[in-house]
């Protein structure tokens, strides 16, 4: 699909999927952090799982495999490991910055 064939219905369908999958878009309650960084991570995690882990019934595989980006679907275990590595690197960077020697 190229950008010329996109219509508002494609965009609305994508927004509907996000609203259905990410409950933080459905409610304005107190149960979810309003922190922007947490919000960005939740959205990134959703799209990662949606495109690399979840097999879509119409494609019979993941969108990433169908597009040729990956050879095989990811497992949830891989996503958890990648997320843990990311968070560990982020915490290490904060720790190193706190003890950095400035001249």
PDB file of N, CA and C in Angstrom:
ATOM      1  N   UNK A   1       0.860  -1.164   0.000  1.00  0.00           N
ATOM      2  CA  UNK A   1       0.000   0.000   0.000  1.00  0.00           C
ATOM      3  C   UNK A   1       0.907   1.228   0.000  1.00  0.00           C
ATOM      4  N   UNK A   2       0.658   2.140  -0.896  1.00  0.00           N
ATOM      5  CA  UNK A   2       1.440   3.368  -0.905  1.00  0.00           C
ATOM      6  C   UNK A   2       0.635   4.500  -0.270  1.00  0.00           C
ATOM      7  N   UNK A   3       1.294   5.626  -0.049  1.00  0.00           N
ATOM      8  CA  UNK A   3       0.637   6.726   0.650  1.00  0.00           C
ATOM      9  C   UNK A   3      -0.505   7.332  -0.153  1.00  0.00           C
ATOM     10  N   UNK A   4      -0.502   7.167  -1.452  1.00  0.00           N
ATOM     11  CA  UNK A   4      -1.591   7.709  -2.278  1.00  0.00           C
ATOM     12  C   UNK A   4      -2.892   6.917  -2.111  1.00  0.00           C
ATOM     13  N   UNK A   5      -2.782   5.656  -1.704  1.00  0.00           N
ATOM     14  CA  UNK A   5      -3.988   4.837  -1.562  1.00  0.00           C
ATOM     15  C   UNK A   5      -4.573   4.889  -0.152  1.00  0.00           C
ATOM     16  N   UNK A   6      -3.920   5.601   0.768  1.00  0.00           N
ATOM     17  CA  UNK A   6      -4.457   5.733   2.122  1.00  0.00           C
ATOM     18  C   UNK A   6      -5.663   6.663   2.131  1.00  0.00           C
ATOM     19  N   UNK A   7      -6.640   6.287   2.922  1.00  0.00           N
ATOM     20  CA  UNK A   7      -7.824   7.120   3.076  1.00  0.00           C
ATOM     21  C   UNK A   7      -8.073   7.340   4.560  1.00  0.00           C
ATOM     22  N   UNK A   8      -9.010   8.197   4.864  1.00  0.00           N
ATOM     23  CA  UNK A   8      -9.326   8.434   6.274  1.00  0.00           C
ATOM     24  C   UNK A   8      -9.852   7.170   6.943  1.00  0.00           C
ATOM     25  N   UNK A   9     -10.455   6.267   6.189  1.00  0.00           N
ATOM     26  CA  UNK A   9     -10.949   5.033   6.802  1.00  0.00           C
ATOM     27  C   UNK A   9      -9.797   4.171   7.319  1.00  0.00           C
ATOM     28  N   UNK A  10      -8.647   4.200   6.640  1.00  0.00           N
ATOM     29  CA  UNK A  10      -7.484   3.461   7.141  1.00  0.00           C
ATOM     30  C   UNK A  10      -7.013   4.046   8.463  1.00  0.00           C
ATOM     31  N   UNK A  11      -6.967   5.358   8.544  1.00  0.00           N
ATOM     32  CA  UNK A  11      -6.519   6.026   9.756  1.00  0.00           C
ATOM     33  C   UNK A  11      -7.508   5.791  10.893  1.00  0.00           C
ATOM     34  N   UNK A  12      -8.795   5.908  10.604  1.00  0.00           N
ATOM     35  CA  UNK A  12      -9.813   5.677  11.631  1.00  0.00           C
ATOM     36  C   UNK A  12      -9.760   4.246  12.143  1.00  0.00           C
ATOM     37  N   UNK A  13      -9.487   3.290  11.261  1.00  0.00           N
ATOM     38  CA  UNK A  13      -9.383   1.891  11.678  1.00  0.00           C
ATOM     39  C   UNK A  13      -8.186   1.707  12.604  1.00  0.00           C
ATOM     40  N   UNK A  14      -7.071   2.355  12.274  1.00  0.00           N
ATOM     41  CA  UNK A  14      -5.885   2.269  13.127  1.00  0.00           C
ATOM     42  C   UNK A  14      -6.176   2.879  14.499  1.00  0.00           C
ATOM     43  N   UNK A  15      -6.856   4.021  14.532  1.00  0.00           N
ATOM     44  CA  UNK A  15      -7.202   4.656  15.806  1.00  0.00           C
ATOM     45  C   UNK A  15      -8.147   3.773  16.613  1.00  0.00           C
ATOM     46  N   UNK A  16      -9.089   3.118  15.947  1.00  0.00           N
ATOM     47  CA  UNK A  16     -10.011   2.222  16.641  1.00  0.00           C
ATOM     48  C   UNK A  16      -9.239   1.073  17.284  1.00  0.00           C
ATOM     49  N   UNK A  17      -8.301   0.505  16.569  1.00  0.00           N
ATOM     50  CA  UNK A  17      -7.494  -0.586  17.116  1.00  0.00           C
ATOM     51  C   UNK A  17      -6.740  -0.125  18.355  1.00  0.00           C
ATOM     52  N   UNK A  18      -6.157   1.050  18.296  1.00  0.00           N
ATOM     53  CA  UNK A  18      -5.429   1.575  19.452  1.00  0.00           C
ATOM     54  C   UNK A  18      -6.378   1.782  20.621  1.00  0.00           C
ATOM     55  N   UNK A  19      -7.541   2.363  20.378  1.00  0.00           N
ATOM     56  CA  UNK A  19      -8.495   2.592  21.464  1.00  0.00           C
ATOM     57  C   UNK A  19      -8.967   1.284  22.083  1.00  0.00           C
ATOM     58  N   UNK A  20      -9.138   0.255  21.267  1.00  0.00           N
ATOM     59  CA  UNK A  20      -9.605  -1.027  21.794  1.00  0.00           C
ATOM     60  C   UNK A  20      -8.517  -1.753  22.585  1.00  0.00           C
ATOM     61  N   UNK A  21      -7.286  -1.646  22.137  1.00  0.00           N
ATOM     62  CA  UNK A  21      -6.199  -2.388  22.762  1.00  0.00           C
ATOM     63  C   UNK A  21      -5.595  -1.665  23.963  1.00  0.00           C
ATOM     64  N   UNK A  22      -5.486  -0.356  23.895  1.00  0.00           N
ATOM     65  CA  UNK A  22      -4.901   0.422  24.987  1.00  0.00           C
ATOM     66  C   UNK A  22      -6.013   1.065  25.800  1.00  0.00           C
ATOM     67  N   UNK A  23      -6.262   0.514  26.957  1.00  0.00           N
ATOM     68  CA  UNK A  23      -7.367   0.998  27.781  1.00  0.00           C
ATOM     69  C   UNK A  23      -7.156   2.433  28.248  1.00  0.00           C
ATOM     70  N   UNK A  24      -5.910   2.906  28.230  1.00  0.00           N
ATOM     71  CA  UNK A  24      -5.665   4.282  28.653  1.00  0.00           C
ATOM     72  C   UNK A  24      -6.320   5.273  27.708  1.00  0.00           C
ATOM     73  N   UNK A  25      -6.683   4.851  26.502  1.00  0.00           N
ATOM     74  CA  UNK A  25      -7.386   5.725  25.574  1.00  0.00           C
ATOM     75  C   UNK A  25      -8.894   5.665  25.759  1.00  0.00           C
ATOM     76  N   UNK A  26      -9.381   4.659  26.459  1.00  0.00           N
ATOM     77  CA  UNK A  26     -10.814   4.519  26.649  1.00  0.00           C
ATOM     78  C   UNK A  26     -11.308   5.284  27.868  1.00  0.00           C
ATOM     79  N   UNK A  27     -10.520   5.291  28.920  1.00  0.00           N
ATOM     80  CA  UNK A  27     -10.969   5.867  30.180  1.00  0.00           C
ATOM     81  C   UNK A  27     -10.174   7.104  30.529  1.00  0.00           C
ATOM     82  N   UNK A  28     -10.811   7.946  31.282  1.00  0.00           N
ATOM     83  CA  UNK A  28     -10.114   9.090  31.835  1.00  0.00           C
ATOM     84  C   UNK A  28     -10.091   8.958  33.352  1.00  0.00           C
ATOM     85  N   UNK A  29      -9.894   7.739  33.790  1.00  0.00           N
ATOM     86  CA  UNK A  29      -9.920   7.469  35.221  1.00  0.00           C
ATOM     87  C   UNK A  29      -8.574   7.682  35.871  1.00  0.00           C
ATOM     88  N   UNK A  30      -8.494   7.308  37.122  1.00  0.00           N
ATOM     89  CA  UNK A  30      -7.294   7.524  37.904  1.00  0.00           C
ATOM     90  C   UNK A  30      -6.333   6.350  37.850  1.00  0.00           C
ATOM     91  N   UNK A  31      -6.691   5.283  37.155  1.00  0.00           N
ATOM     92  CA  UNK A  31      -5.902   4.061  37.178  1.00  0.00           C
ATOM     93  C   UNK A  31      -4.652   4.090  36.335  1.00  0.00           C
ATOM     94  N   UNK A  32      -4.453   5.099  35.505  1.00  0.00           N
ATOM     95  CA  UNK A  32      -3.309   5.118  34.617  1.00  0.00           C
ATOM     96  C   UNK A  32      -2.463   6.350  34.856  1.00  0.00           C
ATOM     97  N   UNK A  33      -1.171   6.165  34.773  1.00  0.00           N
ATOM     98  CA  UNK A  33      -0.243   7.268  34.965  1.00  0.00           C
ATOM     99  C   UNK A  33      -0.405   8.281  33.846  1.00  0.00           C
ATOM    100  N   UNK A  34      -0.368   9.541  34.208  1.00  0.00           N
ATOM    101  CA  UNK A  34      -0.481  10.604  33.211  1.00  0.00           C
ATOM    102  C   UNK A  34       0.902  11.060  32.735  1.00  0.00           C
ATOM    103  N   UNK A  35       1.943  10.393  33.217  1.00  0.00           N
ATOM    104  CA  UNK A  35       3.305  10.728  32.855  1.00  0.00           C
ATOM    105  C   UNK A  35       3.521  10.490  31.360  1.00  0.00           C
ATOM    106  N   UNK A  36       4.076  11.456  30.656  1.00  0.00           N
ATOM    107  CA  UNK A  36       4.260  11.359  29.206  1.00  0.00           C
ATOM    108  C   UNK A  36       5.206  10.231  28.830  1.00  0.00           C
ATOM    109  N   UNK A  37       6.278  10.037  29.592  1.00  0.00           N
ATOM    110  CA  UNK A  37       7.213   8.953  29.283  1.00  0.00           C
ATOM    111  C   UNK A  37       6.548   7.582  29.403  1.00  0.00           C
ATOM    112  N   UNK A  38       5.738   7.395  30.435  1.00  0.00           N
ATOM    113  CA  UNK A  38       5.019   6.136  30.602  1.00  0.00           C
ATOM    114  C   UNK A  38       4.033   5.930  29.467  1.00  0.00           C
ATOM    115  N   UNK A  39       3.376   6.978  29.062  1.00  0.00           N
ATOM    116  CA  UNK A  39       2.428   6.915  27.951  1.00  0.00           C
ATOM    117  C   UNK A  39       3.145   6.515  26.659  1.00  0.00           C
ATOM    118  N   UNK A  40       4.281   7.123  26.383  1.00  0.00           N
ATOM    119  CA  UNK A  40       5.046   6.788  25.177  1.00  0.00           C
ATOM    120  C   UNK A  40       5.476   5.327  25.182  1.00  0.00           C
ATOM    121  N   UNK A  41       5.920   4.838  26.341  1.00  0.00           N
ATOM    122  CA  UNK A  41       6.340   3.439  26.440  1.00  0.00           C
ATOM    123  C   UNK A  41       5.174   2.485  26.224  1.00  0.00           C
ATOM    124  N   UNK A  42       4.004   2.825  26.749  1.00  0.00           N
ATOM    125  CA  UNK A  42       2.825   1.966  26.568  1.00  0.00           C
ATOM    126  C   UNK A  42       2.424   1.899  25.096  1.00  0.00           C
ATOM    127  N   UNK A  43       2.462   3.025  24.410  1.00  0.00           N
ATOM    128  CA  UNK A  43       2.107   3.054  22.992  1.00  0.00           C
ATOM    129  C   UNK A  43       3.134   2.273  22.173  1.00  0.00           C
ATOM    130  N   UNK A  44       4.417   2.459  22.475  1.00  0.00           N
ATOM    131  CA  UNK A  44       5.462   1.732  21.757  1.00  0.00           C
ATOM    132  C   UNK A  44       5.339   0.228  21.966  1.00  0.00           C
ATOM    133  N   UNK A  45       5.054  -0.167  23.199  1.00  0.00           N
ATOM    134  CA  UNK A  45       4.877  -1.589  23.493  1.00  0.00           C
ATOM    135  C   UNK A  45       3.679  -2.152  22.731  1.00  0.00           C
ATOM    136  N   UNK A  46       2.584  -1.404  22.703  1.00  0.00           N
ATOM    137  CA  UNK A  46       1.393  -1.851  21.969  1.00  0.00           C
ATOM    138  C   UNK A  46       1.715  -2.081  20.499  1.00  0.00           C
ATOM    139  N   UNK A  47       2.347  -1.098  19.851  1.00  0.00           N
ATOM    140  CA  UNK A  47       2.626  -1.233  18.422  1.00  0.00           C
ATOM    141  C   UNK A  47       3.674  -2.300  18.140  1.00  0.00           C
ATOM    142  N   UNK A  48       4.612  -2.483  19.056  1.00  0.00           N
ATOM    143  CA  UNK A  48       5.585  -3.558  18.883  1.00  0.00           C
ATOM    144  C   UNK A  48       4.927  -4.924  18.895  1.00  0.00           C
ATOM    145  N   UNK A  49       4.084  -5.160  19.888  1.00  0.00           N
ATOM    146  CA  UNK A  49       3.383  -6.444  19.978  1.00  0.00           C
ATOM    147  C   UNK A  49       2.418  -6.598  18.805  1.00  0.00           C
ATOM    148  N   UNK A  50       1.709  -5.539  18.459  1.00  0.00           N
ATOM    149  CA  UNK A  50       0.727  -5.590  17.368  1.00  0.00           C
ATOM    150  C   UNK A  50       1.392  -5.949  16.040  1.00  0.00           C
ATOM    151  N   UNK A  51       2.565  -5.419  15.776  1.00  0.00           N
ATOM    152  CA  UNK A  51       3.210  -5.619  14.485  1.00  0.00           C
ATOM    153  C   UNK A  51       4.212  -6.765  14.441  1.00  0.00           C
ATOM    154  N   UNK A  52       4.793  -7.150  15.585  1.00  0.00           N
ATOM    155  CA  UNK A  52       5.843  -8.159  15.564  1.00  0.00           C
ATOM    156  C   UNK A  52       5.476  -9.469  16.243  1.00  0.00           C
ATOM    157  N   UNK A  53       4.456  -9.475  17.118  1.00  0.00           N
ATOM    158  CA  UNK A  53       4.098 -10.687  17.864  1.00  0.00           C
ATOM    159  C   UNK A  53       2.745 -11.245  17.427  1.00  0.00           C
ATOM    160  N   UNK A  54       1.751 -10.389  17.360  1.00  0.00           N
ATOM    161  CA  UNK A  54       0.364 -10.823  17.119  1.00  0.00           C
ATOM    162  C   UNK A  54       0.162 -11.255  15.673  1.00  0.00           C
ATOM    163  N   UNK A  55      -0.281 -12.499  15.507  1.00  0.00           N
ATOM    164  CA  UNK A  55      -0.592 -12.986  14.166  1.00  0.00           C
ATOM    165  C   UNK A  55      -1.977 -12.499  13.770  1.00  0.00           C
ATOM    166  N   UNK A  56      -2.063 -11.830  12.651  1.00  0.00           N
ATOM    167  CA  UNK A  56      -3.331 -11.302  12.170  1.00  0.00           C
ATOM    168  C   UNK A  56      -4.013 -12.357  11.306  1.00  0.00           C
ATOM    169  N   UNK A  57      -5.311 -12.519  11.497  1.00  0.00           N
ATOM    170  CA  UNK A  57      -6.019 -13.597  10.804  1.00  0.00           C
ATOM    171  C   UNK A  57      -6.042 -13.393   9.295  1.00  0.00           C
ATOM    172  N   UNK A  58      -6.111 -12.159   8.835  1.00  0.00           N
ATOM    173  CA  UNK A  58      -6.155 -11.936   7.383  1.00  0.00           C
ATOM    174  C   UNK A  58      -4.801 -12.193   6.730  1.00  0.00           C
ATOM    175  N   UNK A  59      -3.722 -11.949   7.461  1.00  0.00           N
ATOM    176  CA  UNK A  59      -2.381 -12.153   6.916  1.00  0.00           C
ATOM    177  C   UNK A  59      -1.843 -13.553   7.188  1.00  0.00           C
ATOM    178  N   UNK A  60      -2.384 -14.216   8.193  1.00  0.00           N
ATOM    179  CA  UNK A  60      -1.916 -15.523   8.665  1.00  0.00           C
ATOM    180  C   UNK A  60      -0.516 -15.443   9.283  1.00  0.00           C
ATOM    181  N   UNK A  61      -0.017 -14.238   9.520  1.00  0.00           N
ATOM    182  CA  UNK A  61       1.275 -14.006  10.160  1.00  0.00           C
ATOM    183  C   UNK A  61       1.259 -12.597  10.742  1.00  0.00           C
ATOM    184  N   UNK A  62       2.394 -12.130  11.197  1.00  0.00           N
ATOM    185  CA  UNK A  62       2.469 -10.768  11.731  1.00  0.00           C
ATOM    186  C   UNK A  62       2.698  -9.787  10.582  1.00  0.00           C
ATOM    187  N   UNK A  63       2.314  -8.528  10.758  1.00  0.00           N
ATOM    188  CA  UNK A  63       2.569  -7.538   9.708  1.00  0.00           C
ATOM    189  C   UNK A  63       4.056  -7.376   9.389  1.00  0.00           C
ATOM    190  N   UNK A  64       4.922  -7.498  10.388  1.00  0.00           N
ATOM    191  CA  UNK A  64       6.358  -7.350  10.146  1.00  0.00           C
ATOM    192  C   UNK A  64       6.895  -8.469   9.257  1.00  0.00           C
ATOM    193  N   UNK A  65       6.419  -9.677   9.459  1.00  0.00           N
ATOM    194  CA  UNK A  65       6.838 -10.797   8.618  1.00  0.00           C
ATOM    195  C   UNK A  65       6.245 -10.627   7.217  1.00  0.00           C
ATOM    196  N   UNK A  66       4.990 -10.233   7.137  1.00  0.00           N
ATOM    197  CA  UNK A  66       4.345 -10.037   5.833  1.00  0.00           C
ATOM    198  C   UNK A  66       5.039  -8.949   5.015  1.00  0.00           C
ATOM    199  N   UNK A  67       5.560  -7.924   5.695  1.00  0.00           N
ATOM    200  CA  UNK A  67       6.242  -6.829   5.003  1.00  0.00           C
ATOM    201  C   UNK A  67       7.701  -7.157   4.706  1.00  0.00           C
ATOM    202  N   UNK A  68       8.194  -8.272   5.211  1.00  0.00           N
ATOM    203  CA  UNK A  68       9.576  -8.658   4.969  1.00  0.00           C
ATOM    204  C   UNK A  68      10.571  -8.009   5.917  1.00  0.00           C
ATOM    205  N   UNK A  69      10.096  -7.396   6.995  1.00  0.00           N
ATOM    206  CA  UNK A  69      10.977  -6.757   7.976  1.00  0.00           C
ATOM    207  C   UNK A  69      11.638  -7.804   8.864  1.00  0.00           C
ATOM    208  N   UNK A  70      10.899  -8.841   9.198  1.00  0.00           N
ATOM    209  CA  UNK A  70      11.392  -9.937  10.029  1.00  0.00           C
ATOM    210  C   UNK A  70      11.161 -11.251   9.290  1.00  0.00           C
ATOM    211  N   UNK A  71      11.984 -12.244   9.637  1.00  0.00           N
ATOM    212  CA  UNK A  71      11.825 -13.564   9.017  1.00  0.00           C
ATOM    213  C   UNK A  71      10.774 -14.408   9.712  1.00  0.00           C
ATOM    214  N   UNK A  72      10.632 -14.212  11.036  1.00  0.00           N
ATOM    215  CA  UNK A  72       9.645 -14.969  11.798  1.00  0.00           C
ATOM    216  C   UNK A  72       9.086 -14.077  12.895  1.00  0.00           C
ATOM    217  N   UNK A  73       7.887 -14.399  13.388  1.00  0.00           N
ATOM    218  CA  UNK A  73       7.276 -13.584  14.454  1.00  0.00           C
ATOM    219  C   UNK A  73       8.105 -13.633  15.732  1.00  0.00           C
ATOM    220  N   UNK A  74       8.042 -12.555  16.494  1.00  0.00           N
ATOM    221  CA  UNK A  74       8.692 -12.504  17.793  1.00  0.00           C
ATOM    222  C   UNK A  74       7.824 -13.222  18.812  1.00  0.00           C
ATOM    223  N   UNK A  75       8.437 -13.631  19.901  1.00  0.00           N
ATOM    224  CA  UNK A  75       7.685 -14.194  21.017  1.00  0.00           C
ATOM    225  C   UNK A  75       7.501 -13.099  22.066  1.00  0.00           C
ATOM    226  N   UNK A  76       6.528 -13.290  22.935  1.00  0.00           N
ATOM    227  CA  UNK A  76       6.336 -12.345  24.035  1.00  0.00           C
ATOM    228  C   UNK A  76       7.549 -12.338  24.964  1.00  0.00           C
ATOM    229  N   UNK A  77       8.207 -13.491  25.091  1.00  0.00           N
ATOM    230  CA  UNK A  77       9.402 -13.557  25.923  1.00  0.00           C
ATOM    231  C   UNK A  77      10.480 -12.622  25.383  1.00  0.00           C
ATOM    232  N   UNK A  78      10.635 -12.578  24.046  1.00  0.00           N
ATOM    233  CA  UNK A  78      11.623 -11.681  23.441  1.00  0.00           C
ATOM    234  C   UNK A  78      11.272 -10.220  23.725  1.00  0.00           C
ATOM    235  N   UNK A  79       9.996  -9.887  23.649  1.00  0.00           N
ATOM    236  CA  UNK A  79       9.567  -8.512  23.918  1.00  0.00           C
ATOM    237  C   UNK A  79       9.842  -8.148  25.375  1.00  0.00           C
ATOM    238  N   UNK A  80       9.573  -9.068  26.290  1.00  0.00           N
ATOM    239  CA  UNK A  80       9.835  -8.811  27.713  1.00  0.00           C
ATOM    240  C   UNK A  80      11.331  -8.608  27.938  1.00  0.00           C
ATOM    241  N   UNK A  81      12.172  -9.439  27.320  1.00  0.00           N
ATOM    242  CA  UNK A  81      13.622  -9.287  27.466  1.00  0.00           C
ATOM    243  C   UNK A  81      14.094  -7.955  26.889  1.00  0.00           C
ATOM    244  N   UNK A  82      13.585  -7.581  25.732  1.00  0.00           N
ATOM    245  CA  UNK A  82      13.974  -6.312  25.109  1.00  0.00           C
ATOM    246  C   UNK A  82      13.539  -5.133  25.979  1.00  0.00           C
ATOM    247  N   UNK A  83      12.353  -5.217  26.554  1.00  0.00           N
ATOM    248  CA  UNK A  83      11.852  -4.155  27.423  1.00  0.00           C
ATOM    249  C   UNK A  83      12.705  -4.053  28.690  1.00  0.00           C
ATOM    250  N   UNK A  84      13.045  -5.192  29.269  1.00  0.00           N
ATOM    251  CA  UNK A  84      13.887  -5.193  30.478  1.00  0.00           C
ATOM    252  C   UNK A  84      15.263  -4.613  30.167  1.00  0.00           C
ATOM    253  N   UNK A  85      15.849  -4.975  29.023  1.00  0.00           N
ATOM    254  CA  UNK A  85      17.149  -4.420  28.630  1.00  0.00           C
ATOM    255  C   UNK A  85      17.066  -2.913  28.451  1.00  0.00           C
ATOM    256  N   UNK A  86      16.004  -2.448  27.818  1.00  0.00           N
ATOM    257  CA  UNK A  86      15.829  -1.010  27.607  1.00  0.00           C
ATOM    258  C   UNK A  86      15.737  -0.278  28.941  1.00  0.00           C
ATOM    259  N   UNK A  87      14.920  -0.798  29.846  1.00  0.00           N
ATOM    260  CA  UNK A  87      14.745  -0.144  31.143  1.00  0.00           C
ATOM    261  C   UNK A  87      16.052  -0.170  31.947  1.00  0.00           C
ATOM    262  N   UNK A  88      16.802  -1.265  31.852  1.00  0.00           N
ATOM    263  CA  UNK A  88      18.073  -1.367  32.557  1.00  0.00           C
ATOM    264  C   UNK A  88      19.072  -0.337  32.020  1.00  0.00           C
ATOM    265  N   UNK A  89      19.150  -0.197  30.698  1.00  0.00           N
ATOM    266  CA  UNK A  89      20.046   0.803  30.106  1.00  0.00           C
ATOM    267  C   UNK A  89      19.631   2.215  30.505  1.00  0.00           C
ATOM    268  N   UNK A  90      18.334   2.460  30.548  1.00  0.00           N
ATOM    269  CA  UNK A  90      17.836   3.777  30.931  1.00  0.00           C
ATOM    270  C   UNK A  90      18.199   4.089  32.386  1.00  0.00           C
ATOM    271  N   UNK A  91      18.022   3.129  33.276  1.00  0.00           N
ATOM    272  CA  UNK A  91      18.384   3.319  34.682  1.00  0.00           C
ATOM    273  C   UNK A  91      19.887   3.512  34.840  1.00  0.00           C
ATOM    274  N   UNK A  92      20.688   2.753  34.079  1.00  0.00           N
ATOM    275  CA  UNK A  92      22.146   2.895  34.151  1.00  0.00           C
ATOM    276  C   UNK A  92      22.578   4.284  33.702  1.00  0.00           C
ATOM    277  N   UNK A  93      21.937   4.807  32.666  1.00  0.00           N
ATOM    278  CA  UNK A  93      22.287   6.144  32.175  1.00  0.00           C
ATOM    279  C   UNK A  93      21.966   7.207  33.217  1.00  0.00           C
ATOM    280  N   UNK A  94      20.857   7.063  33.907  1.00  0.00           N
ATOM    281  CA  UNK A  94      20.492   8.017  34.960  1.00  0.00           C
ATOM    282  C   UNK A  94      21.493   7.923  36.103  1.00  0.00           C
ATOM    283  N   UNK A  95      21.874   6.711  36.478  1.00  0.00           N
ATOM    284  CA  UNK A  95      22.843   6.509  37.554  1.00  0.00           C
ATOM    285  C   UNK A  95      24.190   7.109  37.192  1.00  0.00           C
ATOM    286  N   UNK A  96      24.656   6.844  35.965  1.00  0.00           N
ATOM    287  CA  UNK A  96      25.949   7.385  35.533  1.00  0.00           C
ATOM    288  C   UNK A  96      25.921   8.901  35.465  1.00  0.00           C
ATOM    289  N   UNK A  97      24.821   9.465  35.031  1.00  0.00           N
ATOM    290  CA  UNK A  97      24.719  10.935  34.949  1.00  0.00           C
ATOM    291  C   UNK A  97      24.741  11.546  36.348  1.00  0.00           C
ATOM    292  N   UNK A  98      24.167  10.854  37.314  1.00  0.00           N
ATOM    293  CA  UNK A  98      24.143  11.390  38.672  1.00  0.00           C
ATOM    294  C   UNK A  98      25.539  11.442  39.291  1.00  0.00           C
ATOM    295  N   UNK A  99      26.407  10.529  38.887  1.00  0.00           N
ATOM    296  CA  UNK A  99      27.754  10.480  39.451  1.00  0.00           C
ATOM    297  C   UNK A  99      28.830  10.932  38.484  1.00  0.00           C
ATOM    298  N   UNK A 100      28.424  11.564  37.400  1.00  0.00           N
ATOM    299  CA  UNK A 100      29.400  12.043  36.419  1.00  0.00           C
ATOM    300  C   UNK A 100      30.200  13.198  37.005  1.00  0.00           C
ATOM    301  N   UNK A 101      31.481  13.193  36.735  1.00  0.00           N
ATOM    302  CA  UNK A 101      32.355  14.270  37.217  1.00  0.00           C
ATOM    303  C   UNK A 101      32.339  15.386  36.188  1.00  0.00           C
ATOM    304  N   UNK A 102      31.950  16.564  36.626  1.00  0.00           N
ATOM    305  CA  UNK A 102      31.948  17.714  35.735  1.00  0.00           C
ATOM    306  C   UNK A 102      33.086  18.642  36.107  1.00  0.00           C
ATOM    307  N   UNK A 103      33.691  19.200  35.119  1.00  0.00           N
ATOM    308  CA  UNK A 103      34.826  20.085  35.381  1.00  0.00           C
ATOM    309  C   UNK A 103      34.422  21.526  35.274  1.00  0.00           C
TER     310      UNK A 103
END
